[in-house]
Amino acid sequence: MAALVRGVSDKMLIQRLKKLEADGIVTRKDYQEAPLRADDTLTPLGHSLADALAPLCNWGSDNMADVARIFAERQQWQASGAN
């Protein structure tokens, strides 16, 4: 599954999912078999969080070029030694 999320190891993903489970955002069904297999699903609280975050995700997608430009400018500014 971590292959679907860039830059995240399986170990890190599992740790995060377990924290989300402890927070009531996801439920986790561990099949206790080898190779390891588990299913994670959103709880009603998780669905409400996803609904709340959707506009923010849409904003990010709509403004990705501007945000990338701003980050590049910031990186250049920091590299020049300005604080």
N, C-alpha and C. Protein backbone atom coordinates (compact mmCIF):
# COMPACT_ATOMS: atom_id res chain seq x y z
N MET A 1 0.81 -1.19 0.00
CA MET A 1 0.00 0.00 0.00
C MET A 1 0.85 1.25 0.00
N ALA A 2 1.98 1.23 0.70
CA ALA A 2 2.83 2.41 0.76
C ALA A 2 3.29 2.84 -0.62
N ALA A 3 3.30 1.91 -1.58
CA ALA A 3 3.69 2.26 -2.94
C ALA A 3 2.73 3.28 -3.53
N LEU A 4 1.50 3.32 -3.05
CA LEU A 4 0.52 4.28 -3.55
C LEU A 4 0.71 5.66 -2.93
N VAL A 5 1.47 5.72 -1.84
CA VAL A 5 1.74 6.98 -1.16
C VAL A 5 3.24 7.22 -1.26
N ARG A 6 3.64 8.18 -2.09
CA ARG A 6 5.06 8.42 -2.33
C ARG A 6 5.80 8.83 -1.06
N GLY A 7 7.00 8.26 -0.89
CA GLY A 7 7.88 8.67 0.19
C GLY A 7 7.51 8.12 1.56
N VAL A 8 6.64 7.14 1.62
CA VAL A 8 6.21 6.58 2.90
C VAL A 8 6.52 5.08 2.92
N SER A 9 7.27 4.66 3.94
CA SER A 9 7.56 3.23 4.07
C SER A 9 6.34 2.50 4.63
N ASP A 10 6.30 1.19 4.42
CA ASP A 10 5.21 0.39 4.98
C ASP A 10 5.15 0.56 6.49
N LYS A 11 6.31 0.55 7.14
CA LYS A 11 6.35 0.68 8.60
C LYS A 11 5.73 2.00 9.05
N MET A 12 6.10 3.10 8.39
CA MET A 12 5.58 4.42 8.76
C MET A 12 4.07 4.49 8.52
N LEU A 13 3.63 3.94 7.40
CA LEU A 13 2.21 3.95 7.08
C LEU A 13 1.42 3.18 8.13
N ILE A 14 1.89 2.01 8.51
CA ILE A 14 1.21 1.20 9.52
C ILE A 14 1.15 1.94 10.85
N GLN A 15 2.25 2.60 11.23
CA GLN A 15 2.26 3.36 12.48
C GLN A 15 1.21 4.46 12.45
N ARG A 16 1.14 5.20 11.34
CA ARG A 16 0.15 6.28 11.23
C ARG A 16 -1.27 5.75 11.26
N LEU A 17 -1.50 4.65 10.55
CA LEU A 17 -2.84 4.07 10.53
C LEU A 17 -3.26 3.60 11.93
N LYS A 18 -2.33 3.05 12.69
CA LYS A 18 -2.65 2.63 14.05
C LYS A 18 -2.97 3.83 14.94
N LYS A 19 -2.29 4.95 14.72
CA LYS A 19 -2.62 6.17 15.48
C LYS A 19 -4.00 6.69 15.08
N LEU A 20 -4.30 6.65 13.78
CA LEU A 20 -5.63 7.08 13.34
C LEU A 20 -6.71 6.17 13.89
N GLU A 21 -6.39 4.89 14.03
CA GLU A 21 -7.34 3.96 14.65
C GLU A 21 -7.56 4.34 16.11
N ALA A 22 -6.47 4.62 16.83
CA ALA A 22 -6.58 5.00 18.24
C ALA A 22 -7.38 6.29 18.40
N ASP A 23 -7.32 7.16 17.41
CA ASP A 23 -8.05 8.43 17.45
C ASP A 23 -9.49 8.31 16.94
N GLY A 24 -9.88 7.12 16.50
CA GLY A 24 -11.26 6.91 16.05
C GLY A 24 -11.52 7.37 14.63
N ILE A 25 -10.47 7.56 13.84
CA ILE A 25 -10.63 8.03 12.46
C ILE A 25 -10.79 6.85 11.50
N VAL A 26 -10.08 5.75 11.77
CA VAL A 26 -10.20 4.54 10.95
C VAL A 26 -10.45 3.34 11.84
N THR A 27 -11.02 2.31 11.23
CA THR A 27 -11.09 1.00 11.89
C THR A 27 -10.16 0.09 11.11
N ARG A 28 -9.55 -0.83 11.82
CA ARG A 28 -8.55 -1.71 11.22
C ARG A 28 -8.94 -3.15 11.48
N LYS A 29 -9.02 -3.94 10.42
CA LYS A 29 -9.26 -5.37 10.55
C LYS A 29 -7.96 -6.07 10.17
N ASP A 30 -7.34 -6.71 11.16
CA ASP A 30 -6.09 -7.45 10.95
C ASP A 30 -6.45 -8.92 10.78
N TYR A 31 -6.08 -9.50 9.67
CA TYR A 31 -6.46 -10.87 9.36
C TYR A 31 -5.54 -11.91 10.01
N GLN A 32 -4.49 -11.47 10.69
CA GLN A 32 -3.59 -12.38 11.41
C GLN A 32 -3.13 -13.54 10.54
N GLU A 33 -2.64 -13.20 9.35
CA GLU A 33 -2.15 -14.23 8.45
C GLU A 33 -0.84 -13.77 7.82
N ALA A 34 -0.14 -14.72 7.25
CA ALA A 34 1.11 -14.40 6.55
C ALA A 34 0.89 -14.64 5.06
N PRO A 35 1.29 -13.73 4.21
CA PRO A 35 1.87 -12.44 4.57
C PRO A 35 0.85 -11.56 5.27
N LEU A 36 1.36 -10.58 6.01
CA LEU A 36 0.49 -9.69 6.78
C LEU A 36 -0.53 -9.03 5.88
N ARG A 37 -1.76 -8.98 6.38
CA ARG A 37 -2.84 -8.35 5.62
C ARG A 37 -3.80 -7.70 6.59
N ALA A 38 -4.20 -6.47 6.28
CA ALA A 38 -5.17 -5.76 7.09
C ALA A 38 -5.97 -4.83 6.18
N ASP A 39 -7.20 -4.55 6.58
CA ASP A 39 -8.04 -3.59 5.87
C ASP A 39 -8.32 -2.42 6.80
N ASP A 40 -8.17 -1.21 6.27
CA ASP A 40 -8.47 0.00 7.04
C ASP A 40 -9.62 0.72 6.36
N THR A 41 -10.61 1.14 7.15
CA THR A 41 -11.75 1.88 6.61
C THR A 41 -12.02 3.08 7.49
N LEU A 42 -12.58 4.11 6.90
CA LEU A 42 -12.93 5.30 7.66
C LEU A 42 -14.14 5.03 8.54
N THR A 43 -14.10 5.58 9.74
CA THR A 43 -15.25 5.57 10.64
C THR A 43 -16.16 6.74 10.23
N PRO A 44 -17.33 6.85 10.83
CA PRO A 44 -18.15 8.04 10.56
C PRO A 44 -17.38 9.33 10.89
N LEU A 45 -16.61 9.33 11.96
CA LEU A 45 -15.80 10.51 12.29
C LEU A 45 -14.77 10.75 11.19
N GLY A 46 -14.15 9.69 10.69
CA GLY A 46 -13.19 9.81 9.60
C GLY A 46 -13.82 10.36 8.33
N HIS A 47 -15.04 9.91 8.03
CA HIS A 47 -15.74 10.44 6.86
C HIS A 47 -16.03 11.93 7.03
N SER A 48 -16.42 12.34 8.23
CA SER A 48 -16.70 13.77 8.44
C SER A 48 -15.42 14.59 8.32
N LEU A 49 -14.28 14.04 8.75
CA LEU A 49 -13.00 14.72 8.59
C LEU A 49 -12.64 14.83 7.11
N ALA A 50 -12.83 13.75 6.37
CA ALA A 50 -12.55 13.77 4.92
C ALA A 50 -13.41 14.82 4.22
N ASP A 51 -14.68 14.91 4.62
CA ASP A 51 -15.57 15.92 4.03
C ASP A 51 -15.08 17.34 4.34
N ALA A 52 -14.58 17.53 5.56
CA ALA A 52 -14.09 18.85 5.96
C ALA A 52 -12.80 19.21 5.23
N LEU A 53 -11.97 18.22 4.93
CA LEU A 53 -10.69 18.48 4.27
C LEU A 53 -10.80 18.60 2.75
N ALA A 54 -11.88 18.13 2.18
CA ALA A 54 -12.05 18.15 0.72
C ALA A 54 -11.88 19.55 0.13
N PRO A 55 -12.49 20.60 0.71
CA PRO A 55 -12.27 21.94 0.13
C PRO A 55 -10.80 22.37 0.17
N LEU A 56 -10.09 22.01 1.22
CA LEU A 56 -8.67 22.35 1.31
C LEU A 56 -7.88 21.62 0.23
N CYS A 57 -8.19 20.35 0.01
CA CYS A 57 -7.52 19.58 -1.04
C CYS A 57 -7.82 20.19 -2.41
N ASN A 58 -9.06 20.59 -2.63
CA ASN A 58 -9.43 21.22 -3.89
C ASN A 58 -8.67 22.52 -4.10
N TRP A 59 -8.54 23.31 -3.04
CA TRP A 59 -7.78 24.56 -3.12
C TRP A 59 -6.33 24.26 -3.51
N GLY A 60 -5.74 23.26 -2.89
CA GLY A 60 -4.37 22.89 -3.20
C GLY A 60 -4.20 22.48 -4.65
N SER A 61 -5.14 21.69 -5.15
CA SER A 61 -5.08 21.27 -6.56
C SER A 61 -5.25 22.46 -7.49
N ASP A 62 -6.19 23.34 -7.15
CA ASP A 62 -6.45 24.50 -8.00
C ASP A 62 -5.30 25.49 -8.01
N ASN A 63 -4.50 25.52 -6.95
CA ASN A 63 -3.43 26.51 -6.81
C ASN A 63 -2.03 25.91 -6.79
N MET A 64 -1.90 24.68 -7.28
CA MET A 64 -0.64 23.97 -7.21
C MET A 64 0.50 24.73 -7.88
N ALA A 65 0.26 25.32 -9.04
CA ALA A 65 1.32 26.04 -9.76
C ALA A 65 1.80 27.24 -8.95
N ASP A 66 0.87 27.99 -8.38
CA ASP A 66 1.25 29.16 -7.57
C ASP A 66 2.02 28.75 -6.32
N VAL A 67 1.56 27.69 -5.67
CA VAL A 67 2.24 27.22 -4.46
C VAL A 67 3.65 26.74 -4.80
N ALA A 68 3.81 26.02 -5.90
CA ALA A 68 5.14 25.54 -6.31
C ALA A 68 6.06 26.73 -6.60
N ARG A 69 5.51 27.76 -7.24
CA ARG A 69 6.30 28.96 -7.54
C ARG A 69 6.74 29.64 -6.25
N ILE A 70 5.82 29.77 -5.31
CA ILE A 70 6.13 30.41 -4.03
C ILE A 70 7.20 29.63 -3.28
N PHE A 71 7.09 28.31 -3.26
CA PHE A 71 8.09 27.48 -2.58
C PHE A 71 9.45 27.62 -3.25
N ALA A 72 9.48 27.67 -4.59
CA ALA A 72 10.74 27.84 -5.31
C ALA A 72 11.36 29.19 -4.99
N GLU A 73 10.54 30.24 -4.94
CA GLU A 73 11.05 31.57 -4.59
C GLU A 73 11.59 31.60 -3.18
N ARG A 74 10.90 30.94 -2.26
CA ARG A 74 11.36 30.88 -0.87
C ARG A 74 12.70 30.15 -0.78
N GLN A 75 12.82 29.05 -1.52
CA GLN A 75 14.07 28.29 -1.50
C GLN A 75 15.23 29.12 -2.04
N GLN A 76 15.00 29.87 -3.11
CA GLN A 76 16.03 30.75 -3.66
C GLN A 76 16.40 31.83 -2.65
N TRP A 77 15.40 32.40 -2.01
CA TRP A 77 15.62 33.45 -1.02
C TRP A 77 16.45 32.92 0.15
N GLN A 78 16.13 31.73 0.61
CA GLN A 78 16.87 31.11 1.72
C GLN A 78 18.29 30.75 1.30
N ALA A 79 18.44 30.29 0.08
CA ALA A 79 19.78 29.92 -0.42
C ALA A 79 20.67 31.14 -0.55
N SER A 80 20.07 32.31 -0.79
CA SER A 80 20.86 33.52 -0.94
C SER A 80 21.36 34.06 0.40
N GLY A 81 20.92 33.43 1.49
CA GLY A 81 21.37 33.85 2.82
C GLY A 81 20.47 34.87 3.48
N ALA A 82 19.41 35.27 2.85
CA ALA A 82 18.46 36.22 3.45
C ALA A 82 17.64 35.50 4.51
N ASN A 83 17.30 36.20 5.54
CA ASN A 83 16.46 35.62 6.59
C ASN A 83 15.19 36.35 6.67
